[in-house]
PDB file of N, CA and C in Angstrom:
ATOM      1  N   UNK A   1       0.830  -1.193   0.000  1.00  0.00           N
ATOM      2  CA  UNK A   1       0.000   0.000   0.000  1.00  0.00           C
ATOM      3  C   UNK A   1       0.868   1.247   0.000  1.00  0.00           C
ATOM      4  N   UNK A   2       0.315   2.316  -0.552  1.00  0.00           N
ATOM      5  CA  UNK A   2       1.022   3.587  -0.597  1.00  0.00           C
ATOM      6  C   UNK A   2       0.223   4.652   0.131  1.00  0.00           C
ATOM      7  N   UNK A   3       0.930   5.523   0.814  1.00  0.00           N
ATOM      8  CA  UNK A   3       0.314   6.591   1.588  1.00  0.00           C
ATOM      9  C   UNK A   3       0.605   7.934   0.932  1.00  0.00           C
ATOM     10  N   UNK A   4      -0.430   8.763   0.841  1.00  0.00           N
ATOM     11  CA  UNK A   4      -0.296  10.142   0.369  1.00  0.00           C
ATOM     12  C   UNK A   4      -0.927  11.045   1.420  1.00  0.00           C
ATOM     13  N   UNK A   5      -0.269  12.185   1.658  1.00  0.00           N
ATOM     14  CA  UNK A   5      -0.740  13.118   2.681  1.00  0.00           C
ATOM     15  C   UNK A   5      -0.957  14.482   2.038  1.00  0.00           C
ATOM     16  N   UNK A   6      -2.011  15.165   2.438  1.00  0.00           N
ATOM     17  CA  UNK A   6      -2.259  16.538   1.998  1.00  0.00           C
ATOM     18  C   UNK A   6      -2.159  17.432   3.235  1.00  0.00           C
ATOM     19  N   UNK A   7      -1.332  18.477   3.134  1.00  0.00           N
ATOM     20  CA  UNK A   7      -1.077  19.366   4.270  1.00  0.00           C
ATOM     21  C   UNK A   7      -1.494  20.790   3.917  1.00  0.00           C
ATOM     22  N   UNK A   8      -2.361  21.358   4.720  1.00  0.00           N
ATOM     23  CA  UNK A   8      -2.771  22.763   4.603  1.00  0.00           C
ATOM     24  C   UNK A   8      -2.921  23.277   6.032  1.00  0.00           C
ATOM     25  N   UNK A   9      -1.807  23.757   6.602  1.00  0.00           N
ATOM     26  CA  UNK A   9      -1.813  24.112   8.020  1.00  0.00           C
ATOM     27  C   UNK A   9      -1.301  25.532   8.277  1.00  0.00           C
ATOM     28  N   UNK A  10      -1.574  26.418   7.320  1.00  0.00           N
ATOM     29  CA  UNK A  10      -1.422  27.868   7.475  1.00  0.00           C
ATOM     30  C   UNK A  10      -0.114  28.327   8.110  1.00  0.00           C
ATOM     31  N   UNK A  11       0.998  27.905   7.531  1.00  0.00           N
ATOM     32  CA  UNK A  11       2.290  28.402   7.982  1.00  0.00           C
ATOM     33  C   UNK A  11       3.072  27.432   8.843  1.00  0.00           C
ATOM     34  N   UNK A  12       2.437  26.407   9.355  1.00  0.00           N
ATOM     35  CA  UNK A  12       3.138  25.429  10.193  1.00  0.00           C
ATOM     36  C   UNK A  12       3.720  24.276   9.381  1.00  0.00           C
ATOM     37  N   UNK A  13       3.516  24.300   8.069  1.00  0.00           N
ATOM     38  CA  UNK A  13       3.988  23.188   7.239  1.00  0.00           C
ATOM     39  C   UNK A  13       5.496  23.009   7.318  1.00  0.00           C
ATOM     40  N   UNK A  14       6.255  24.095   7.423  1.00  0.00           N
ATOM     41  CA  UNK A  14       7.712  23.979   7.506  1.00  0.00           C
ATOM     42  C   UNK A  14       8.116  23.202   8.759  1.00  0.00           C
ATOM     43  N   UNK A  15       7.527  23.557   9.887  1.00  0.00           N
ATOM     44  CA  UNK A  15       7.849  22.884  11.147  1.00  0.00           C
ATOM     45  C   UNK A  15       7.396  21.429  11.147  1.00  0.00           C
ATOM     46  N   UNK A  16       6.212  21.154  10.641  1.00  0.00           N
ATOM     47  CA  UNK A  16       5.675  19.798  10.630  1.00  0.00           C
ATOM     48  C   UNK A  16       6.495  18.906   9.696  1.00  0.00           C
ATOM     49  N   UNK A  17       6.846  19.406   8.522  1.00  0.00           N
ATOM     50  CA  UNK A  17       7.635  18.606   7.586  1.00  0.00           C
ATOM     51  C   UNK A  17       9.029  18.317   8.132  1.00  0.00           C
ATOM     52  N   UNK A  18       9.633  19.286   8.791  1.00  0.00           N
ATOM     53  CA  UNK A  18      10.940  19.053   9.416  1.00  0.00           C
ATOM     54  C   UNK A  18      10.824  17.985  10.509  1.00  0.00           C
ATOM     55  N   UNK A  19       9.765  18.040  11.283  1.00  0.00           N
ATOM     56  CA  UNK A  19       9.532  17.028  12.325  1.00  0.00           C
ATOM     57  C   UNK A  19       9.321  15.647  11.688  1.00  0.00           C
ATOM     58  N   UNK A  20       8.588  15.606  10.603  1.00  0.00           N
ATOM     59  CA  UNK A  20       8.378  14.336   9.904  1.00  0.00           C
ATOM     60  C   UNK A  20       9.712  13.758   9.426  1.00  0.00           C
ATOM     61  N   UNK A  21      10.598  14.613   8.940  1.00  0.00           N
ATOM     62  CA  UNK A  21      11.903  14.139   8.486  1.00  0.00           C
ATOM     63  C   UNK A  21      12.691  13.507   9.623  1.00  0.00           C
ATOM     64  N   UNK A  22      12.601  14.083  10.802  1.00  0.00           N
ATOM     65  CA  UNK A  22      13.338  13.557  11.956  1.00  0.00           C
ATOM     66  C   UNK A  22      12.801  12.200  12.396  1.00  0.00           C
ATOM     67  N   UNK A  23      11.517  11.955  12.195  1.00  0.00           N
ATOM     68  CA  UNK A  23      10.881  10.718  12.644  1.00  0.00           C
ATOM     69  C   UNK A  23      10.504   9.806  11.485  1.00  0.00           C
ATOM     70  N   UNK A  24      11.140   9.966  10.360  1.00  0.00           N
ATOM     71  CA  UNK A  24      10.720   9.337   9.113  1.00  0.00           C
ATOM     72  C   UNK A  24      10.830   7.820   9.086  1.00  0.00           C
ATOM     73  N   UNK A  25      11.651   7.238   9.891  1.00  0.00           N
ATOM     74  CA  UNK A  25      11.910   5.796   9.782  1.00  0.00           C
ATOM     75  C   UNK A  25      10.646   4.941   9.860  1.00  0.00           C
ATOM     76  N   UNK A  26       9.569   5.486  10.378  1.00  0.00           N
ATOM     77  CA  UNK A  26       8.320   4.747  10.516  1.00  0.00           C
ATOM     78  C   UNK A  26       7.351   4.976   9.351  1.00  0.00           C
ATOM     79  N   UNK A  27       7.765   5.709   8.331  1.00  0.00           N
ATOM     80  CA  UNK A  27       6.863   6.107   7.240  1.00  0.00           C
ATOM     81  C   UNK A  27       7.264   5.450   5.926  1.00  0.00           C
ATOM     82  N   UNK A  28       7.537   4.188   5.895  1.00  0.00           N
ATOM     83  CA  UNK A  28       8.074   3.548   4.694  1.00  0.00           C
ATOM     84  C   UNK A  28       7.093   3.501   3.526  1.00  0.00           C
ATOM     85  N   UNK A  29       5.791   3.588   3.756  1.00  0.00           N
ATOM     86  CA  UNK A  29       4.831   3.518   2.652  1.00  0.00           C
ATOM     87  C   UNK A  29       4.464   4.902   2.099  1.00  0.00           C
ATOM     88  N   UNK A  30       5.024   5.967   2.653  1.00  0.00           N
ATOM     89  CA  UNK A  30       4.700   7.318   2.203  1.00  0.00           C
ATOM     90  C   UNK A  30       5.340   7.586   0.841  1.00  0.00           C
ATOM     91  N   UNK A  31       4.523   8.015  -0.141  1.00  0.00           N
ATOM     92  CA  UNK A  31       5.009   8.253  -1.502  1.00  0.00           C
ATOM     93  C   UNK A  31       4.905   9.708  -1.936  1.00  0.00           C
ATOM     94  N   UNK A  32       3.883  10.419  -1.478  1.00  0.00           N
ATOM     95  CA  UNK A  32       3.680  11.822  -1.869  1.00  0.00           C
ATOM     96  C   UNK A  32       3.147  12.625  -0.691  1.00  0.00           C
ATOM     97  N   UNK A  33       3.560  13.896  -0.687  1.00  0.00           N
ATOM     98  CA  UNK A  33       2.988  14.856   0.256  1.00  0.00           C
ATOM     99  C   UNK A  33       2.549  16.065  -0.559  1.00  0.00           C
ATOM    100  N   UNK A  34       1.270  16.349  -0.519  1.00  0.00           N
ATOM    101  CA  UNK A  34       0.721  17.521  -1.188  1.00  0.00           C
ATOM    102  C   UNK A  34       0.704  18.647  -0.157  1.00  0.00           C
ATOM    103  N   UNK A  35       1.374  19.764  -0.485  1.00  0.00           N
ATOM    104  CA  UNK A  35       1.545  20.845   0.486  1.00  0.00           C
ATOM    105  C   UNK A  35       1.036  22.157  -0.081  1.00  0.00           C
ATOM    106  N   UNK A  36       0.223  22.859   0.693  1.00  0.00           N
ATOM    107  CA  UNK A  36      -0.102  24.246   0.388  1.00  0.00           C
ATOM    108  C   UNK A  36       0.830  25.089   1.251  1.00  0.00           C
ATOM    109  N   UNK A  37       1.821  25.690   0.593  1.00  0.00           N
ATOM    110  CA  UNK A  37       2.832  26.484   1.300  1.00  0.00           C
ATOM    111  C   UNK A  37       2.254  27.849   1.663  1.00  0.00           C
ATOM    112  N   UNK A  38       2.554  28.317   2.854  1.00  0.00           N
ATOM    113  CA  UNK A  38       2.088  29.626   3.333  1.00  0.00           C
ATOM    114  C   UNK A  38       3.278  30.465   3.799  1.00  0.00           C
ATOM    115  N   UNK A  39       4.116  30.829   2.863  1.00  0.00           N
ATOM    116  CA  UNK A  39       5.306  31.611   3.198  1.00  0.00           C
ATOM    117  C   UNK A  39       4.974  32.970   3.795  1.00  0.00           C
ATOM    118  N   UNK A  40       3.821  33.500   3.450  1.00  0.00           N
ATOM    119  CA  UNK A  40       3.485  34.854   3.912  1.00  0.00           C
ATOM    120  C   UNK A  40       3.386  34.938   5.428  1.00  0.00           C
ATOM    121  N   UNK A  41       3.208  33.815   6.109  1.00  0.00           N
ATOM    122  CA  UNK A  41       3.127  33.809   7.569  1.00  0.00           C
ATOM    123  C   UNK A  41       4.494  33.669   8.231  1.00  0.00           C
ATOM    124  N   UNK A  42       5.517  33.409   7.443  1.00  0.00           N
ATOM    125  CA  UNK A  42       6.836  33.145   7.992  1.00  0.00           C
ATOM    126  C   UNK A  42       7.693  34.401   7.930  1.00  0.00           C
ATOM    127  N   UNK A  43       8.440  34.650   8.996  1.00  0.00           N
ATOM    128  CA  UNK A  43       9.314  35.823   9.063  1.00  0.00           C
ATOM    129  C   UNK A  43      10.731  35.394   9.436  1.00  0.00           C
ATOM    130  N   UNK A  44      11.684  36.227   9.065  1.00  0.00           N
ATOM    131  CA  UNK A  44      13.084  36.074   9.477  1.00  0.00           C
ATOM    132  C   UNK A  44      13.781  34.840   8.919  1.00  0.00           C
ATOM    133  N   UNK A  45      13.331  34.321   7.800  1.00  0.00           N
ATOM    134  CA  UNK A  45      14.066  33.277   7.100  1.00  0.00           C
ATOM    135  C   UNK A  45      13.610  33.268   5.649  1.00  0.00           C
ATOM    136  N   UNK A  46      14.380  32.618   4.813  1.00  0.00           N
ATOM    137  CA  UNK A  46      14.061  32.556   3.396  1.00  0.00           C
ATOM    138  C   UNK A  46      13.259  31.277   3.133  1.00  0.00           C
ATOM    139  N   UNK A  47      11.933  31.377   2.985  1.00  0.00           N
ATOM    140  CA  UNK A  47      11.118  30.173   2.814  1.00  0.00           C
ATOM    141  C   UNK A  47      11.442  29.411   1.536  1.00  0.00           C
ATOM    142  N   UNK A  48      11.910  30.112   0.496  1.00  0.00           N
ATOM    143  CA  UNK A  48      12.233  29.408  -0.744  1.00  0.00           C
ATOM    144  C   UNK A  48      13.371  28.423  -0.518  1.00  0.00           C
ATOM    145  N   UNK A  49      14.415  28.875   0.184  1.00  0.00           N
ATOM    146  CA  UNK A  49      15.538  27.979   0.463  1.00  0.00           C
ATOM    147  C   UNK A  49      15.114  26.852   1.395  1.00  0.00           C
ATOM    148  N   UNK A  50      14.264  27.152   2.358  1.00  0.00           N
ATOM    149  CA  UNK A  50      13.768  26.115   3.263  1.00  0.00           C
ATOM    150  C   UNK A  50      12.959  25.077   2.505  1.00  0.00           C
ATOM    151  N   UNK A  51      12.136  25.534   1.574  1.00  0.00           N
ATOM    152  CA  UNK A  51      11.343  24.606   0.768  1.00  0.00           C
ATOM    153  C   UNK A  51      12.236  23.684  -0.040  1.00  0.00           C
ATOM    154  N   UNK A  52      13.254  24.251  -0.683  1.00  0.00           N
ATOM    155  CA  UNK A  52      14.163  23.433  -1.484  1.00  0.00           C
ATOM    156  C   UNK A  52      14.851  22.379  -0.630  1.00  0.00           C
ATOM    157  N   UNK A  53      15.268  22.768   0.561  1.00  0.00           N
ATOM    158  CA  UNK A  53      15.929  21.843   1.473  1.00  0.00           C
ATOM    159  C   UNK A  53      14.983  20.718   1.895  1.00  0.00           C
ATOM    160  N   UNK A  54      13.770  21.074   2.252  1.00  0.00           N
ATOM    161  CA  UNK A  54      12.774  20.076   2.647  1.00  0.00           C
ATOM    162  C   UNK A  54      12.472  19.134   1.486  1.00  0.00           C
ATOM    163  N   UNK A  55      12.248  19.686   0.303  1.00  0.00           N
ATOM    164  CA  UNK A  55      11.943  18.863  -0.862  1.00  0.00           C
ATOM    165  C   UNK A  55      13.092  17.912  -1.188  1.00  0.00           C
ATOM    166  N   UNK A  56      14.323  18.397  -1.080  1.00  0.00           N
ATOM    167  CA  UNK A  56      15.498  17.575  -1.355  1.00  0.00           C
ATOM    168  C   UNK A  56      15.586  16.414  -0.361  1.00  0.00           C
ATOM    169  N   UNK A  57      15.373  16.701   0.914  1.00  0.00           N
ATOM    170  CA  UNK A  57      15.457  15.658   1.939  1.00  0.00           C
ATOM    171  C   UNK A  57      14.397  14.582   1.728  1.00  0.00           C
ATOM    172  N   UNK A  58      13.187  14.974   1.362  1.00  0.00           N
ATOM    173  CA  UNK A  58      12.150  13.982   1.093  1.00  0.00           C
ATOM    174  C   UNK A  58      12.457  13.207  -0.185  1.00  0.00           C
ATOM    175  N   UNK A  59      12.983  13.880  -1.200  1.00  0.00           N
ATOM    176  CA  UNK A  59      13.337  13.197  -2.454  1.00  0.00           C
ATOM    177  C   UNK A  59      14.385  12.113  -2.206  1.00  0.00           C
ATOM    178  N   UNK A  60      15.303  12.360  -1.277  1.00  0.00           N
ATOM    179  CA  UNK A  60      16.308  11.354  -0.927  1.00  0.00           C
ATOM    180  C   UNK A  60      15.664  10.103  -0.335  1.00  0.00           C
ATOM    181  N   UNK A  61      14.454  10.242   0.182  1.00  0.00           N
ATOM    182  CA  UNK A  61      13.700   9.120   0.752  1.00  0.00           C
ATOM    183  C   UNK A  61      12.644   8.606  -0.238  1.00  0.00           C
ATOM    184  N   UNK A  62      12.754   9.054  -1.491  1.00  0.00           N
ATOM    185  CA  UNK A  62      11.832   8.654  -2.569  1.00  0.00           C
ATOM    186  C   UNK A  62      10.390   9.104  -2.312  1.00  0.00           C
ATOM    187  N   UNK A  63      10.275  10.280  -1.739  1.00  0.00           N
ATOM    188  CA  UNK A  63       8.962  10.877  -1.485  1.00  0.00           C
ATOM    189  C   UNK A  63       8.889  12.189  -2.254  1.00  0.00           C
ATOM    190  N   UNK A  64       7.806  12.366  -2.979  1.00  0.00           N
ATOM    191  CA  UNK A  64       7.620  13.563  -3.792  1.00  0.00           C
ATOM    192  C   UNK A  64       6.802  14.579  -3.024  1.00  0.00           C
ATOM    193  N   UNK A  65       7.275  15.822  -3.027  1.00  0.00           N
ATOM    194  CA  UNK A  65       6.507  16.950  -2.490  1.00  0.00           C
ATOM    195  C   UNK A  65       5.827  17.614  -3.679  1.00  0.00           C
ATOM    196  N   UNK A  66       4.514  17.720  -3.620  1.00  0.00           N
ATOM    197  CA  UNK A  66       3.728  18.337  -4.687  1.00  0.00           C
ATOM    198  C   UNK A  66       3.123  19.627  -4.138  1.00  0.00           C
ATOM    199  N   UNK A  67       3.334  20.728  -4.842  1.00  0.00           N
ATOM    200  CA  UNK A  67       2.727  21.997  -4.407  1.00  0.00           C
ATOM    201  C   UNK A  67       1.252  21.986  -4.751  1.00  0.00           C
ATOM    202  N   UNK A  68       0.447  22.242  -3.764  1.00  0.00           N
ATOM    203  CA  UNK A  68      -0.995  22.246  -3.916  1.00  0.00           C
ATOM    204  C   UNK A  68      -1.515  23.664  -3.649  1.00  0.00           C
ATOM    205  N   UNK A  69      -2.465  24.111  -4.463  1.00  0.00           N
ATOM    206  CA  UNK A  69      -3.028  25.466  -4.308  1.00  0.00           C
ATOM    207  C   UNK A  69      -4.487  25.392  -3.942  1.00  0.00           C
TER     208      UNK A  69
END
C-alpha cells in the first residue's frame, strides 16, 4: 500500500515537515505529500531555500513533495 498526505496548516507546514523528516523511519509507505505552502506567515528566514531543502530531503527518501493550491 502507498500513503499520500495533503497538508494545509497555514504556515506550520515547515515545522511539521521538518519534524516528519526527523521521525521518518516509521513512514516507509509514504510516496507523496501535497503541500499548500504559506510563506506569507513566515518571518526572518528565506522560505524558498527552506522549501528546497525540505523537498530535497524527502526526495532522498523517494517521497515527492507536490505543491498544492
